Amino acid sequence: MKLTGITFQALANSSNGTLNTDTTMTFVSDDESEILGNYHGGTIKTGNVVGRWLDPSTMEMLYHCITVKSELKAGRAIAIFTHDSDGHLHMHLDWQWLTGDQSKGTSHWIEKVDSA
């Protein structure tokens, strides 16, 4: 699966997470050895993601961000990609903070499709 150029919109996040449904993530590079992305919006001023494929639908990622409150945060996640019956691509994250309380959570994202 190639993610370059795909933007995801956050649908849900655990209460101990930082992002909200105004946050988007766009993957800017994807090859066999690395995946790179950026995220922002809502409570996130700017953030970056680096990852690698574990199998064709599972990615291991590290992420860091600066929030709109100027907090610096970092974490890790396992992302599982699925398609729904309408063909929309979903990203399900099981994540853990590497900073702060090191708590765990989940988030759900969907591919953002332009309605032109």
PDB file of N, CA and C in Angstrom:
ATOM      1  N   MET A   1       0.834  -1.171   0.000  1.00  0.00           N
ATOM      2  CA  MET A   1       0.000   0.000   0.000  1.00  0.00           C
ATOM      3  C   MET A   1       0.889   1.248   0.000  1.00  0.00           C
ATOM      4  N   LYS A   2       0.577   2.171  -0.853  1.00  0.00           N
ATOM      5  CA  LYS A   2       1.301   3.439  -0.922  1.00  0.00           C
ATOM      6  C   LYS A   2       0.449   4.529  -0.275  1.00  0.00           C
ATOM      7  N   LEU A   3       1.066   5.316   0.610  1.00  0.00           N
ATOM      8  CA  LEU A   3       0.357   6.370   1.332  1.00  0.00           C
ATOM      9  C   LEU A   3       0.726   7.777   0.878  1.00  0.00           C
ATOM     10  N   THR A   4       1.752   7.919   0.038  1.00  0.00           N
ATOM     11  CA  THR A   4       2.204   9.243  -0.387  1.00  0.00           C
ATOM     12  C   THR A   4       1.045  10.045  -0.960  1.00  0.00           C
ATOM     13  N   GLY A   5       0.842  11.248  -0.411  1.00  0.00           N
ATOM     14  CA  GLY A   5      -0.209  12.135  -0.892  1.00  0.00           C
ATOM     15  C   GLY A   5      -1.564  11.921  -0.256  1.00  0.00           C
ATOM     16  N   ILE A   6      -1.729  10.896   0.568  1.00  0.00           N
ATOM     17  CA  ILE A   6      -3.013  10.632   1.206  1.00  0.00           C
ATOM     18  C   ILE A   6      -3.102  11.433   2.505  1.00  0.00           C
ATOM     19  N   THR A   7      -4.235  12.098   2.680  1.00  0.00           N
ATOM     20  CA  THR A   7      -4.517  12.853   3.897  1.00  0.00           C
ATOM     21  C   THR A   7      -5.616  12.154   4.672  1.00  0.00           C
ATOM     22  N   PHE A   8      -5.414  12.025   5.971  1.00  0.00           N
ATOM     23  CA  PHE A   8      -6.405  11.431   6.865  1.00  0.00           C
ATOM     24  C   PHE A   8      -6.948  12.499   7.797  1.00  0.00           C
ATOM     25  N   GLN A   9      -8.229  12.392   8.118  1.00  0.00           N
ATOM     26  CA  GLN A   9      -8.908  13.260   9.081  1.00  0.00           C
ATOM     27  C   GLN A   9      -9.167  12.442  10.333  1.00  0.00           C
ATOM     28  N   ALA A  10      -8.827  12.986  11.499  1.00  0.00           N
ATOM     29  CA  ALA A  10      -9.094  12.286  12.754  1.00  0.00           C
ATOM     30  C   ALA A  10     -10.601  12.214  12.990  1.00  0.00           C
ATOM     31  N   LEU A  11     -11.075  11.016  13.351  1.00  0.00           N
ATOM     32  CA  LEU A  11     -12.488  10.826  13.687  1.00  0.00           C
ATOM     33  C   LEU A  11     -12.705  10.732  15.193  1.00  0.00           C
ATOM     34  N   ALA A  12     -11.750  10.122  15.898  1.00  0.00           N
ATOM     35  CA  ALA A  12     -11.892   9.905  17.338  1.00  0.00           C
ATOM     36  C   ALA A  12     -10.516   9.720  17.948  1.00  0.00           C
ATOM     37  N   ASN A  13     -10.400  10.048  19.244  1.00  0.00           N
ATOM     38  CA  ASN A  13      -9.148   9.887  19.968  1.00  0.00           C
ATOM     39  C   ASN A  13      -9.473   9.644  21.432  1.00  0.00           C
ATOM     40  N   SER A  14      -8.650   8.871  22.088  1.00  0.00           N
ATOM     41  CA  SER A  14      -8.810   8.650  23.527  1.00  0.00           C
ATOM     42  C   SER A  14      -8.724   9.984  24.267  1.00  0.00           C
ATOM     43  N   SER A  15      -9.369  10.050  25.423  1.00  0.00           N
ATOM     44  CA  SER A  15      -9.427  11.310  26.168  1.00  0.00           C
ATOM     45  C   SER A  15      -8.050  11.795  26.625  1.00  0.00           C
ATOM     46  N   ASN A  16      -7.070  10.897  26.771  1.00  0.00           N
ATOM     47  CA  ASN A  16      -5.721  11.292  27.179  1.00  0.00           C
ATOM     48  C   ASN A  16      -4.848  11.677  25.985  1.00  0.00           C
ATOM     49  N   GLY A  17      -5.424  11.705  24.793  1.00  0.00           N
ATOM     50  CA  GLY A  17      -4.695  12.112  23.601  1.00  0.00           C
ATOM     51  C   GLY A  17      -4.709  13.619  23.434  1.00  0.00           C
ATOM     52  N   THR A  18      -3.954  14.103  22.474  1.00  0.00           N
ATOM     53  CA  THR A  18      -3.822  15.543  22.245  1.00  0.00           C
ATOM     54  C   THR A  18      -4.632  16.021  21.049  1.00  0.00           C
ATOM     55  N   LEU A  19      -4.670  15.258  19.982  1.00  0.00           N
ATOM     56  CA  LEU A  19      -5.344  15.726  18.772  1.00  0.00           C
ATOM     57  C   LEU A  19      -6.852  15.667  18.909  1.00  0.00           C
ATOM     58  N   ASN A  20      -7.528  16.360  17.977  1.00  0.00           N
ATOM     59  CA  ASN A  20      -8.983  16.311  17.931  1.00  0.00           C
ATOM     60  C   ASN A  20      -9.442  16.138  16.486  1.00  0.00           C
ATOM     61  N   THR A  21     -10.741  16.217  16.257  1.00  0.00           N
ATOM     62  CA  THR A  21     -11.282  15.930  14.926  1.00  0.00           C
ATOM     63  C   THR A  21     -10.975  17.009  13.895  1.00  0.00           C
ATOM     64  N   ASP A  22     -10.317  18.085  14.297  1.00  0.00           N
ATOM     65  CA  ASP A  22      -9.851  19.100  13.344  1.00  0.00           C
ATOM     66  C   ASP A  22      -8.416  18.828  12.887  1.00  0.00           C
ATOM     67  N   THR A  23      -7.835  17.731  13.355  1.00  0.00           N
ATOM     68  CA  THR A  23      -6.452  17.379  13.014  1.00  0.00           C
ATOM     69  C   THR A  23      -6.424  16.523  11.760  1.00  0.00           C
ATOM     70  N   THR A  24      -5.512  16.853  10.842  1.00  0.00           N
ATOM     71  CA  THR A  24      -5.298  16.042   9.645  1.00  0.00           C
ATOM     72  C   THR A  24      -3.843  15.582   9.600  1.00  0.00           C
ATOM     73  N   MET A  25      -3.630  14.436   8.963  1.00  0.00           N
ATOM     74  CA  MET A  25      -2.286  13.886   8.776  1.00  0.00           C
ATOM     75  C   MET A  25      -2.119  13.561   7.298  1.00  0.00           C
ATOM     76  N   THR A  26      -1.025  14.049   6.702  1.00  0.00           N
ATOM     77  CA  THR A  26      -0.733  13.781   5.298  1.00  0.00           C
ATOM     78  C   THR A  26       0.596  13.052   5.203  1.00  0.00           C
ATOM     79  N   PHE A  27       0.602  11.956   4.464  1.00  0.00           N
ATOM     80  CA  PHE A  27       1.830  11.207   4.236  1.00  0.00           C
ATOM     81  C   PHE A  27       2.521  11.776   3.004  1.00  0.00           C
ATOM     82  N   VAL A  28       3.808  12.108   3.159  1.00  0.00           N
ATOM     83  CA  VAL A  28       4.532  12.805   2.101  1.00  0.00           C
ATOM     84  C   VAL A  28       5.568  11.930   1.405  1.00  0.00           C
ATOM     85  N   SER A  29       5.898  10.784   1.987  1.00  0.00           N
ATOM     86  CA  SER A  29       6.876   9.884   1.386  1.00  0.00           C
ATOM     87  C   SER A  29       6.608   8.481   1.887  1.00  0.00           C
ATOM     88  N   ASP A  30       6.735   7.514   0.998  1.00  0.00           N
ATOM     89  CA  ASP A  30       6.452   6.133   1.358  1.00  0.00           C
ATOM     90  C   ASP A  30       7.242   5.223   0.422  1.00  0.00           C
ATOM     91  N   ASP A  31       8.175   4.472   0.990  1.00  0.00           N
ATOM     92  CA  ASP A  31       8.847   3.439   0.208  1.00  0.00           C
ATOM     93  C   ASP A  31       8.968   2.198   1.082  1.00  0.00           C
ATOM     94  N   GLU A  32       9.720   1.220   0.644  1.00  0.00           N
ATOM     95  CA  GLU A  32       9.804  -0.044   1.363  1.00  0.00           C
ATOM     96  C   GLU A  32      10.404   0.110   2.763  1.00  0.00           C
ATOM     97  N   SER A  33      11.246   1.105   2.978  1.00  0.00           N
ATOM     98  CA  SER A  33      11.963   1.199   4.248  1.00  0.00           C
ATOM     99  C   SER A  33      11.492   2.335   5.161  1.00  0.00           C
ATOM    100  N   GLU A  34      10.756   3.315   4.639  1.00  0.00           N
ATOM    101  CA  GLU A  34      10.344   4.420   5.502  1.00  0.00           C
ATOM    102  C   GLU A  34       9.078   5.089   5.003  1.00  0.00           C
ATOM    103  N   ILE A  35       8.337   5.626   5.949  1.00  0.00           N
ATOM    104  CA  ILE A  35       7.141   6.409   5.672  1.00  0.00           C
ATOM    105  C   ILE A  35       7.293   7.711   6.443  1.00  0.00           C
ATOM    106  N   LEU A  36       7.013   8.841   5.789  1.00  0.00           N
ATOM    107  CA  LEU A  36       7.105  10.146   6.430  1.00  0.00           C
ATOM    108  C   LEU A  36       5.775  10.865   6.303  1.00  0.00           C
ATOM    109  N   GLY A  37       5.396  11.588   7.352  1.00  0.00           N
ATOM    110  CA  GLY A  37       4.157  12.335   7.313  1.00  0.00           C
ATOM    111  C   GLY A  37       4.198  13.562   8.191  1.00  0.00           C
ATOM    112  N   ASN A  38       3.197  14.419   8.012  1.00  0.00           N
ATOM    113  CA  ASN A  38       3.037  15.637   8.793  1.00  0.00           C
ATOM    114  C   ASN A  38       1.597  15.695   9.290  1.00  0.00           C
ATOM    115  N   TYR A  39       1.396  16.287  10.449  1.00  0.00           N
ATOM    116  CA  TYR A  39       0.038  16.486  10.922  1.00  0.00           C
ATOM    117  C   TYR A  39      -0.089  17.835  11.617  1.00  0.00           C
ATOM    118  N   HIS A  40      -1.304  18.381  11.585  1.00  0.00           N
ATOM    119  CA  HIS A  40      -1.576  19.690  12.169  1.00  0.00           C
ATOM    120  C   HIS A  40      -3.081  19.904  12.220  1.00  0.00           C
ATOM    121  N   GLY A  41      -3.455  20.997  12.836  1.00  0.00           N
ATOM    122  CA  GLY A  41      -4.864  21.378  12.891  1.00  0.00           C
ATOM    123  C   GLY A  41      -5.476  21.093  14.250  1.00  0.00           C
ATOM    124  N   GLY A  42      -6.499  21.875  14.565  1.00  0.00           N
ATOM    125  CA  GLY A  42      -7.146  21.717  15.868  1.00  0.00           C
ATOM    126  C   GLY A  42      -6.176  22.049  16.979  1.00  0.00           C
ATOM    127  N   THR A  43      -5.911  21.104  17.842  1.00  0.00           N
ATOM    128  CA  THR A  43      -5.038  21.309  19.007  1.00  0.00           C
ATOM    129  C   THR A  43      -3.562  21.139  18.686  1.00  0.00           C
ATOM    130  N   ILE A  44      -3.237  20.739  17.452  1.00  0.00           N
ATOM    131  CA  ILE A  44      -1.850  20.498  17.041  1.00  0.00           C
ATOM    132  C   ILE A  44      -1.368  21.639  16.156  1.00  0.00           C
ATOM    133  N   LYS A  45      -0.319  22.332  16.592  1.00  0.00           N
ATOM    134  CA  LYS A  45       0.276  23.386  15.765  1.00  0.00           C
ATOM    135  C   LYS A  45       1.041  22.756  14.603  1.00  0.00           C
ATOM    136  N   THR A  46       1.936  21.823  14.919  1.00  0.00           N
ATOM    137  CA  THR A  46       2.668  21.105  13.881  1.00  0.00           C
ATOM    138  C   THR A  46       3.189  19.793  14.462  1.00  0.00           C
ATOM    139  N   GLY A  47       3.262  18.784  13.617  1.00  0.00           N
ATOM    140  CA  GLY A  47       3.780  17.491  14.049  1.00  0.00           C
ATOM    141  C   GLY A  47       4.331  16.701  12.875  1.00  0.00           C
ATOM    142  N   ASN A  48       5.165  15.723  13.182  1.00  0.00           N
ATOM    143  CA  ASN A  48       5.781  14.872  12.166  1.00  0.00           C
ATOM    144  C   ASN A  48       5.688  13.413  12.574  1.00  0.00           C
ATOM    145  N   VAL A  49       5.662  12.553  11.570  1.00  0.00           N
ATOM    146  CA  VAL A  49       5.578  11.108  11.755  1.00  0.00           C
ATOM    147  C   VAL A  49       6.673  10.455  10.928  1.00  0.00           C
ATOM    148  N   VAL A  50       7.329   9.453  11.491  1.00  0.00           N
ATOM    149  CA  VAL A  50       8.231   8.592  10.735  1.00  0.00           C
ATOM    150  C   VAL A  50       7.821   7.159  11.060  1.00  0.00           C
ATOM    151  N   GLY A  51       7.771   6.323  10.039  1.00  0.00           N
ATOM    152  CA  GLY A  51       7.336   4.955  10.271  1.00  0.00           C
ATOM    153  C   GLY A  51       7.962   3.971   9.315  1.00  0.00           C
ATOM    154  N   ARG A  52       7.632   2.694   9.582  1.00  0.00           N
ATOM    155  CA  ARG A  52       8.070   1.612   8.686  1.00  0.00           C
ATOM    156  C   ARG A  52       6.978   0.559   8.666  1.00  0.00           C
ATOM    157  N   TRP A  53       6.883  -0.125   7.538  1.00  0.00           N
ATOM    158  CA  TRP A  53       5.894  -1.187   7.380  1.00  0.00           C
ATOM    159  C   TRP A  53       6.336  -2.435   8.139  1.00  0.00           C
ATOM    160  N   LEU A  54       5.418  -3.017   8.882  1.00  0.00           N
ATOM    161  CA  LEU A  54       5.650  -4.311   9.526  1.00  0.00           C
ATOM    162  C   LEU A  54       5.094  -5.438   8.662  1.00  0.00           C
ATOM    163  N   ASP A  55       4.012  -5.140   7.946  1.00  0.00           N
ATOM    164  CA  ASP A  55       3.419  -6.031   6.953  1.00  0.00           C
ATOM    165  C   ASP A  55       2.596  -5.144   6.022  1.00  0.00           C
ATOM    166  N   PRO A  56       1.936  -5.680   5.004  1.00  0.00           N
ATOM    167  CA  PRO A  56       1.271  -4.816   4.019  1.00  0.00           C
ATOM    168  C   PRO A  56       0.188  -3.877   4.554  1.00  0.00           C
ATOM    169  N   SER A  57      -0.345  -4.126   5.757  1.00  0.00           N
ATOM    170  CA  SER A  57      -1.377  -3.233   6.280  1.00  0.00           C
ATOM    171  C   SER A  57      -1.082  -2.715   7.690  1.00  0.00           C
ATOM    172  N   THR A  58       0.137  -2.946   8.187  1.00  0.00           N
ATOM    173  CA  THR A  58       0.487  -2.531   9.549  1.00  0.00           C
ATOM    174  C   THR A  58       1.785  -1.730   9.540  1.00  0.00           C
ATOM    175  N   MET A  59       1.733  -0.564  10.167  1.00  0.00           N
ATOM    176  CA  MET A  59       2.886   0.324  10.233  1.00  0.00           C
ATOM    177  C   MET A  59       3.259   0.576  11.692  1.00  0.00           C
ATOM    178  N   GLU A  60       4.551   0.621  11.954  1.00  0.00           N
ATOM    179  CA  GLU A  60       5.064   1.067  13.239  1.00  0.00           C
ATOM    180  C   GLU A  60       5.496   2.515  13.042  1.00  0.00           C
ATOM    181  N   MET A  61       5.088   3.411  13.961  1.00  0.00           N
ATOM    182  CA  MET A  61       5.431   4.819  13.773  1.00  0.00           C
ATOM    183  C   MET A  61       5.871   5.473  15.077  1.00  0.00           C
ATOM    184  N   LEU A  62       6.680   6.499  14.908  1.00  0.00           N
ATOM    185  CA  LEU A  62       7.035   7.432  15.970  1.00  0.00           C
ATOM    186  C   LEU A  62       6.512   8.795  15.537  1.00  0.00           C
ATOM    187  N   TYR A  63       6.035   9.588  16.506  1.00  0.00           N
ATOM    188  CA  TYR A  63       5.506  10.908  16.175  1.00  0.00           C
ATOM    189  C   TYR A  63       5.889  11.907  17.249  1.00  0.00           C
ATOM    190  N   HIS A  64       5.953  13.160  16.855  1.00  0.00           N
ATOM    191  CA  HIS A  64       6.186  14.242  17.804  1.00  0.00           C
ATOM    192  C   HIS A  64       5.452  15.481  17.309  1.00  0.00           C
ATOM    193  N   CYS A  65       5.110  16.355  18.259  1.00  0.00           N
ATOM    194  CA  CYS A  65       4.352  17.542  17.876  1.00  0.00           C
ATOM    195  C   CYS A  65       4.570  18.670  18.872  1.00  0.00           C
ATOM    196  N   ILE A  66       4.158  19.852  18.437  1.00  0.00           N
ATOM    197  CA  ILE A  66       4.009  21.010  19.308  1.00  0.00           C
ATOM    198  C   ILE A  66       2.528  21.374  19.262  1.00  0.00           C
ATOM    199  N   THR A  67       1.902  21.464  20.425  1.00  0.00           N
ATOM    200  CA  THR A  67       0.482  21.786  20.483  1.00  0.00           C
ATOM    201  C   THR A  67       0.273  23.295  20.406  1.00  0.00           C
ATOM    202  N   VAL A  68      -0.968  23.695  20.268  1.00  0.00           N
ATOM    203  CA  VAL A  68      -1.282  25.123  20.243  1.00  0.00           C
ATOM    204  C   VAL A  68      -1.014  25.771  21.602  1.00  0.00           C
ATOM    205  N   LYS A  69      -0.832  24.967  22.661  1.00  0.00           N
ATOM    206  CA  LYS A  69      -0.458  25.473  23.988  1.00  0.00           C
ATOM    207  C   LYS A  69       1.058  25.441  24.185  1.00  0.00           C
ATOM    208  N   SER A  70       1.813  25.216  23.096  1.00  0.00           N
ATOM    209  CA  SER A  70       3.282  25.156  23.099  1.00  0.00           C
ATOM    210  C   SER A  70       3.844  23.979  23.887  1.00  0.00           C
ATOM    211  N   GLU A  71       3.072  22.895  24.021  1.00  0.00           N
ATOM    212  CA  GLU A  71       3.577  21.671  24.643  1.00  0.00           C
ATOM    213  C   GLU A  71       4.332  20.860  23.594  1.00  0.00           C
ATOM    214  N   LEU A  72       5.448  20.282  23.987  1.00  0.00           N
ATOM    215  CA  LEU A  72       6.219  19.392  23.117  1.00  0.00           C
ATOM    216  C   LEU A  72       5.915  17.961  23.554  1.00  0.00           C
ATOM    217  N   LYS A  73       5.381  17.150  22.626  1.00  0.00           N
ATOM    218  CA  LYS A  73       4.967  15.793  22.966  1.00  0.00           C
ATOM    219  C   LYS A  73       5.518  14.812  21.941  1.00  0.00           C
ATOM    220  N   ALA A  74       5.705  13.556  22.375  1.00  0.00           N
ATOM    221  CA  ALA A  74       6.195  12.512  21.481  1.00  0.00           C
ATOM    222  C   ALA A  74       5.578  11.183  21.877  1.00  0.00           C
ATOM    223  N   GLY A  75       5.437  10.308  20.891  1.00  0.00           N
ATOM    224  CA  GLY A  75       4.863   9.000  21.168  1.00  0.00           C
ATOM    225  C   GLY A  75       5.191   7.994  20.086  1.00  0.00           C
ATOM    226  N   ARG A  76       4.652   6.793  20.278  1.00  0.00           N
ATOM    227  CA  ARG A  76       4.811   5.709  19.319  1.00  0.00           C
ATOM    228  C   ARG A  76       3.457   5.070  19.096  1.00  0.00           C
ATOM    229  N   ALA A  77       3.304   4.413  17.947  1.00  0.00           N
ATOM    230  CA  ALA A  77       2.019   3.799  17.650  1.00  0.00           C
ATOM    231  C   ALA A  77       2.193   2.637  16.680  1.00  0.00           C
ATOM    232  N   ILE A  78       1.191   1.771  16.692  1.00  0.00           N
ATOM    233  CA  ILE A  78       1.006   0.774  15.656  1.00  0.00           C
ATOM    234  C   ILE A  78      -0.252   1.188  14.900  1.00  0.00           C
ATOM    235  N   ALA A  79      -0.118   1.354  13.601  1.00  0.00           N
ATOM    236  CA  ALA A  79      -1.234   1.753  12.744  1.00  0.00           C
ATOM    237  C   ALA A  79      -1.663   0.559  11.899  1.00  0.00           C
ATOM    238  N   ILE A  80      -2.960   0.288  11.904  1.00  0.00           N
ATOM    239  CA  ILE A  80      -3.527  -0.757  11.060  1.00  0.00           C
ATOM    240  C   ILE A  80      -4.463  -0.081  10.066  1.00  0.00           C
ATOM    241  N   PHE A  81      -4.280  -0.387   8.792  1.00  0.00           N
ATOM    242  CA  PHE A  81      -5.055   0.212   7.715  1.00  0.00           C
ATOM    243  C   PHE A  81      -6.084  -0.792   7.202  1.00  0.00           C
ATOM    244  N   THR A  82      -7.329  -0.326   7.078  1.00  0.00           N
ATOM    245  CA  THR A  82      -8.417  -1.165   6.567  1.00  0.00           C
ATOM    246  C   THR A  82      -9.260  -0.338   5.595  1.00  0.00           C
ATOM    247  N   HIS A  83     -10.023  -1.019   4.777  1.00  0.00           N
ATOM    248  CA  HIS A  83     -10.993  -0.373   3.903  1.00  0.00           C
ATOM    249  C   HIS A  83     -12.392  -0.747   4.385  1.00  0.00           C
ATOM    250  N   ASP A  84     -13.324   0.223   4.367  1.00  0.00           N
ATOM    251  CA  ASP A  84     -14.699  -0.099   4.714  1.00  0.00           C
ATOM    252  C   ASP A  84     -15.449  -0.547   3.464  1.00  0.00           C
ATOM    253  N   SER A  85     -16.729  -0.854   3.610  1.00  0.00           N
ATOM    254  CA  SER A  85     -17.514  -1.387   2.487  1.00  0.00           C
ATOM    255  C   SER A  85     -17.680  -0.377   1.353  1.00  0.00           C
ATOM    256  N   ASP A  86     -17.476   0.918   1.638  1.00  0.00           N
ATOM    257  CA  ASP A  86     -17.550   1.952   0.604  1.00  0.00           C
ATOM    258  C   ASP A  86     -16.198   2.227  -0.040  1.00  0.00           C
ATOM    259  N   GLY A  87     -15.151   1.497   0.397  1.00  0.00           N
ATOM    260  CA  GLY A  87     -13.826   1.665  -0.178  1.00  0.00           C
ATOM    261  C   GLY A  87     -12.979   2.734   0.478  1.00  0.00           C
ATOM    262  N   HIS A  88     -13.479   3.377   1.542  1.00  0.00           N
ATOM    263  CA  HIS A  88     -12.701   4.408   2.239  1.00  0.00           C
ATOM    264  C   HIS A  88     -11.605   3.762   3.079  1.00  0.00           C
ATOM    265  N   LEU A  89     -10.435   4.363   3.051  1.00  0.00           N
ATOM    266  CA  LEU A  89      -9.287   3.866   3.810  1.00  0.00           C
ATOM    267  C   LEU A  89      -9.336   4.422   5.235  1.00  0.00           C
ATOM    268  N   HIS A  90      -9.218   3.533   6.214  1.00  0.00           N
ATOM    269  CA  HIS A  90      -9.213   3.902   7.631  1.00  0.00           C
ATOM    270  C   HIS A  90      -7.849   3.587   8.225  1.00  0.00           C
ATOM    271  N   MET A  91      -7.441   4.386   9.200  1.00  0.00           N
ATOM    272  CA  MET A  91      -6.207   4.155   9.948  1.00  0.00           C
ATOM    273  C   MET A  91      -6.582   4.088  11.430  1.00  0.00           C
ATOM    274  N   HIS A  92      -6.294   2.956  12.057  1.00  0.00           N
ATOM    275  CA  HIS A  92      -6.570   2.735  13.466  1.00  0.00           C
ATOM    276  C   HIS A  92      -5.239   2.702  14.209  1.00  0.00           C
ATOM    277  N   LEU A  93      -5.060   3.599  15.167  1.00  0.00           N
ATOM    278  CA  LEU A  93      -3.802   3.680  15.910  1.00  0.00           C
ATOM    279  C   LEU A  93      -3.977   3.185  17.342  1.00  0.00           C
ATOM    280  N   ASP A  94      -3.080   2.313  17.762  1.00  0.00           N
ATOM    281  CA  ASP A  94      -2.869   1.998  19.171  1.00  0.00           C
ATOM    282  C   ASP A  94      -1.586   2.715  19.536  1.00  0.00           C
ATOM    283  N   TRP A  95      -1.677   3.714  20.403  1.00  0.00           N
ATOM    284  CA  TRP A  95      -0.533   4.585  20.646  1.00  0.00           C
ATOM    285  C   TRP A  95      -0.165   4.634  22.125  1.00  0.00           C
ATOM    286  N   GLN A  96       1.053   5.153  22.367  1.00  0.00           N
ATOM    287  CA  GLN A  96       1.536   5.378  23.723  1.00  0.00           C
ATOM    288  C   GLN A  96       2.428   6.602  23.724  1.00  0.00           C
ATOM    289  N   TRP A  97       2.232   7.455  24.737  1.00  0.00           N
ATOM    290  CA  TRP A  97       3.105   8.600  24.904  1.00  0.00           C
ATOM    291  C   TRP A  97       4.481   8.146  25.352  1.00  0.00           C
ATOM    292  N   LEU A  98       5.521   8.764  24.807  1.00  0.00           N
ATOM    293  CA  LEU A  98       6.893   8.561  25.257  1.00  0.00           C
ATOM    294  C   LEU A  98       7.325   9.708  26.164  1.00  0.00           C
ATOM    295  N   THR A  99       6.492  10.741  26.241  1.00  0.00           N
ATOM    296  CA  THR A  99       6.717  11.882  27.125  1.00  0.00           C
ATOM    297  C   THR A  99       5.551  11.946  28.110  1.00  0.00           C
ATOM    298  N   GLY A 100       5.693  12.733  29.144  1.00  0.00           N
ATOM    299  CA  GLY A 100       4.600  12.906  30.096  1.00  0.00           C
ATOM    300  C   GLY A 100       4.284  11.629  30.856  1.00  0.00           C
ATOM    301  N   ASP A 101       3.008  11.306  30.946  1.00  0.00           N
ATOM    302  CA  ASP A 101       2.573  10.171  31.772  1.00  0.00           C
ATOM    303  C   ASP A 101       2.758   8.798  31.113  1.00  0.00           C
ATOM    304  N   GLN A 102       3.169   8.773  29.855  1.00  0.00           N
ATOM    305  CA  GLN A 102       3.408   7.535  29.099  1.00  0.00           C
ATOM    306  C   GLN A 102       2.164   6.643  29.024  1.00  0.00           C
ATOM    307  N   SER A 103       0.988   7.263  29.086  1.00  0.00           N
ATOM    308  CA  SER A 103      -0.261   6.510  28.987  1.00  0.00           C
ATOM    309  C   SER A 103      -0.494   6.030  27.556  1.00  0.00           C
ATOM    310  N   LYS A 104      -1.451   5.129  27.408  1.00  0.00           N
ATOM    311  CA  LYS A 104      -1.796   4.532  26.115  1.00  0.00           C
ATOM    312  C   LYS A 104      -3.188   4.966  25.697  1.00  0.00           C
ATOM    313  N   GLY A 105      -3.445   4.841  24.399  1.00  0.00           N
ATOM    314  CA  GLY A 105      -4.760   5.178  23.887  1.00  0.00           C
ATOM    315  C   GLY A 105      -4.946   4.678  22.470  1.00  0.00           C
ATOM    316  N   THR A 106      -6.049   5.081  21.873  1.00  0.00           N
ATOM    317  CA  THR A 106      -6.360   4.706  20.496  1.00  0.00           C
ATOM    318  C   THR A 106      -6.894   5.927  19.761  1.00  0.00           C
ATOM    319  N   SER A 107      -6.725   5.935  18.458  1.00  0.00           N
ATOM    320  CA  SER A 107      -7.360   6.950  17.627  1.00  0.00           C
ATOM    321  C   SER A 107      -7.798   6.302  16.322  1.00  0.00           C
ATOM    322  N   HIS A 108      -8.777   6.924  15.694  1.00  0.00           N
ATOM    323  CA  HIS A 108      -9.354   6.419  14.452  1.00  0.00           C
ATOM    324  C   HIS A 108      -9.370   7.561  13.445  1.00  0.00           C
ATOM    325  N   TRP A 109      -8.881   7.277  12.254  1.00  0.00           N
ATOM    326  CA  TRP A 109      -8.757   8.257  11.183  1.00  0.00           C
ATOM    327  C   TRP A 109      -9.407   7.697   9.927  1.00  0.00           C
ATOM    328  N   ILE A 110      -9.857   8.598   9.036  1.00  0.00           N
ATOM    329  CA  ILE A 110     -10.393   8.191   7.739  1.00  0.00           C
ATOM    330  C   ILE A 110      -9.763   9.038   6.645  1.00  0.00           C
ATOM    331  N   GLU A 111      -9.555   8.411   5.494  1.00  0.00           N
ATOM    332  CA  GLU A 111      -8.996   9.128   4.354  1.00  0.00           C
ATOM    333  C   GLU A 111      -9.916  10.285   3.989  1.00  0.00           C
ATOM    334  N   LYS A 112      -9.302  11.452   3.849  1.00  0.00           N
ATOM    335  CA  LYS A 112     -10.051  12.653   3.480  1.00  0.00           C
ATOM    336  C   LYS A 112     -10.177  12.681   1.970  1.00  0.00           C
ATOM    337  N   VAL A 113     -11.413  12.722   1.488  1.00  0.00           N
ATOM    338  CA  VAL A 113     -11.683  12.707   0.058  1.00  0.00           C
ATOM    339  C   VAL A 113     -12.325  14.037  -0.319  1.00  0.00           C
ATOM    340  N   ASP A 114     -11.764  14.709  -1.325  1.00  0.00           N
ATOM    341  CA  ASP A 114     -12.345  15.965  -1.793  1.00  0.00           C
ATOM    342  C   ASP A 114     -13.711  15.691  -2.410  1.00  0.00           C
ATOM    343  N   SER A 115     -14.680  16.485  -2.027  1.00  0.00           N
ATOM    344  CA  SER A 115     -16.033  16.341  -2.608  1.00  0.00           C
ATOM    345  C   SER A 115     -16.191  17.395  -3.688  1.00  0.00           C
ATOM    346  N   ALA A 116     -15.611  17.097  -4.845  1.00  0.00           N
ATOM    347  CA  ALA A 116     -15.654  18.071  -5.946  1.00  0.00           C
ATOM    348  C   ALA A 116     -16.770  17.768  -6.901  1.00  0.00           C
TER     349      ALA A 116
END
